[in-house]
């Protein structure tokens, strides 16, 4: 039978989960909007 000893350190607590990164989300959202606006203007210039 296996014996368990108490001489080992307990496992460390996992790192706390960081909150949502709204700054990064805002940058991605702004880039997506700029991409859509660019596609809109490019297609308008191409088809007219």
N, C-alpha and C. Protein backbone atom coordinates (compact mmCIF):
# COMPACT_ATOMS: atom_id res chain seq x y z
N UNK A 1 0.84 -1.17 0.00
CA UNK A 1 0.00 0.00 0.00
C UNK A 1 0.89 1.24 0.00
N UNK A 2 0.43 2.27 -0.66
CA UNK A 2 1.22 3.48 -0.79
C UNK A 2 0.99 4.39 0.41
N UNK A 3 2.07 4.97 0.91
CA UNK A 3 1.93 5.91 2.02
C UNK A 3 2.05 7.33 1.50
N UNK A 4 1.24 8.20 2.05
CA UNK A 4 1.28 9.60 1.67
C UNK A 4 1.92 10.39 2.80
N UNK A 5 2.86 11.24 2.41
CA UNK A 5 3.52 12.04 3.44
C UNK A 5 3.12 13.50 3.28
N UNK A 6 3.27 14.23 4.36
CA UNK A 6 2.91 15.66 4.36
C UNK A 6 4.11 16.55 4.12
N UNK A 7 5.24 15.98 3.72
CA UNK A 7 6.43 16.81 3.56
C UNK A 7 6.46 17.54 2.21
N UNK A 8 5.54 17.22 1.33
CA UNK A 8 5.49 17.94 0.06
C UNK A 8 4.68 19.21 0.23
N UNK A 9 5.06 20.23 -0.56
CA UNK A 9 4.31 21.49 -0.50
C UNK A 9 2.98 21.31 -1.20
N UNK A 10 1.97 22.00 -0.73
CA UNK A 10 0.68 21.92 -1.43
C UNK A 10 0.79 22.58 -2.80
N UNK A 11 -0.02 22.18 -3.74
CA UNK A 11 0.06 22.79 -5.08
C UNK A 11 -0.23 24.29 -5.00
N UNK A 12 0.49 25.04 -5.82
CA UNK A 12 0.30 26.50 -5.83
C UNK A 12 -1.06 26.83 -6.43
N UNK A 13 -1.63 27.92 -5.98
CA UNK A 13 -2.90 28.36 -6.53
C UNK A 13 -2.69 28.77 -7.98
N UNK A 14 -3.62 28.45 -8.85
CA UNK A 14 -3.47 28.88 -10.25
C UNK A 14 -3.53 30.40 -10.33
N UNK A 15 -2.92 30.93 -11.38
CA UNK A 15 -2.92 32.38 -11.53
C UNK A 15 -4.35 32.86 -11.71
N UNK A 16 -4.67 33.99 -11.12
CA UNK A 16 -6.04 34.49 -11.26
C UNK A 16 -6.35 34.83 -12.72
N UNK A 17 -7.58 34.60 -13.10
CA UNK A 17 -7.99 34.86 -14.47
C UNK A 17 -8.09 36.37 -14.65
N UNK A 18 -7.43 36.86 -15.69
CA UNK A 18 -7.48 38.30 -15.97
C UNK A 18 -8.87 38.67 -16.48
N UNK A 19 -9.26 39.88 -16.19
CA UNK A 19 -10.56 40.35 -16.67
C UNK A 19 -10.55 40.49 -18.18
N UNK A 20 -11.71 40.73 -18.75
CA UNK A 20 -11.77 40.89 -20.20
C UNK A 20 -10.95 42.09 -20.65
N UNK A 21 -10.33 41.96 -21.80
CA UNK A 21 -9.45 43.02 -22.29
C UNK A 21 -10.25 43.89 -23.25
N UNK A 22 -10.90 44.90 -22.71
CA UNK A 22 -11.77 45.74 -23.53
C UNK A 22 -10.96 46.62 -24.49
N UNK A 23 -9.74 46.97 -24.13
CA UNK A 23 -8.92 47.77 -25.01
C UNK A 23 -8.61 47.03 -26.30
N UNK A 24 -8.20 45.77 -26.17
CA UNK A 24 -7.89 44.96 -27.35
C UNK A 24 -9.15 44.73 -28.18
N UNK A 25 -10.26 44.48 -27.51
CA UNK A 25 -11.53 44.28 -28.22
C UNK A 25 -11.92 45.54 -28.99
N UNK A 26 -11.71 46.69 -28.39
CA UNK A 26 -12.04 47.95 -29.04
C UNK A 26 -11.18 48.17 -30.28
N UNK A 27 -9.90 47.83 -30.20
CA UNK A 27 -9.00 47.97 -31.35
C UNK A 27 -9.45 47.05 -32.48
N UNK A 28 -9.77 45.81 -32.15
CA UNK A 28 -10.22 44.86 -33.18
C UNK A 28 -11.52 45.33 -33.81
N UNK A 29 -12.43 45.84 -33.00
CA UNK A 29 -13.69 46.35 -33.52
C UNK A 29 -13.46 47.54 -34.44
N UNK A 30 -12.58 48.46 -34.05
CA UNK A 30 -12.28 49.62 -34.89
C UNK A 30 -11.65 49.19 -36.22
N UNK A 31 -10.74 48.21 -36.18
CA UNK A 31 -10.13 47.72 -37.42
C UNK A 31 -11.17 47.06 -38.32
N UNK A 32 -12.10 46.34 -37.73
CA UNK A 32 -13.15 45.70 -38.53
C UNK A 32 -14.03 46.75 -39.21
N UNK A 33 -14.37 47.80 -38.48
CA UNK A 33 -15.19 48.87 -39.05
C UNK A 33 -14.43 49.57 -40.18
N UNK A 34 -13.14 49.84 -39.97
CA UNK A 34 -12.34 50.48 -41.02
C UNK A 34 -12.24 49.59 -42.25
N UNK A 35 -12.12 48.30 -42.06
CA UNK A 35 -12.06 47.38 -43.18
C UNK A 35 -13.36 47.40 -43.97
N UNK A 36 -14.49 47.40 -43.28
CA UNK A 36 -15.78 47.43 -43.95
C UNK A 36 -15.97 48.74 -44.71
N UNK A 37 -15.57 49.85 -44.09
CA UNK A 37 -15.68 51.16 -44.76
C UNK A 37 -14.78 51.18 -45.99
N UNK A 38 -13.56 50.64 -45.86
CA UNK A 38 -12.66 50.60 -47.01
C UNK A 38 -13.20 49.77 -48.15
N UNK A 39 -13.78 48.61 -47.83
CA UNK A 39 -14.37 47.76 -48.86
C UNK A 39 -15.55 48.48 -49.52
N UNK A 40 -16.34 49.19 -48.73
CA UNK A 40 -17.49 49.91 -49.27
C UNK A 40 -17.06 50.98 -50.26
N UNK A 41 -16.07 51.79 -49.86
CA UNK A 41 -15.60 52.86 -50.76
C UNK A 41 -14.92 52.28 -52.00
N UNK A 42 -14.16 51.21 -51.84
CA UNK A 42 -13.47 50.60 -52.97
C UNK A 42 -14.48 50.02 -53.96
N UNK A 43 -15.50 49.36 -53.47
CA UNK A 43 -16.49 48.77 -54.37
C UNK A 43 -17.31 49.87 -55.04
N UNK A 44 -17.59 50.94 -54.32
CA UNK A 44 -18.33 52.06 -54.91
C UNK A 44 -17.51 52.70 -56.03
N UNK A 45 -16.20 52.85 -55.81
CA UNK A 45 -15.35 53.44 -56.84
C UNK A 45 -15.19 52.49 -58.03
N UNK A 46 -15.17 51.21 -57.76
CA UNK A 46 -14.96 50.22 -58.83
C UNK A 46 -16.20 50.08 -59.71
N UNK A 47 -17.38 50.06 -59.10
CA UNK A 47 -18.61 49.80 -59.85
C UNK A 47 -19.25 51.04 -60.41
N UNK A 48 -18.72 52.23 -60.16
CA UNK A 48 -19.34 53.43 -60.71
C UNK A 48 -18.39 54.23 -61.57
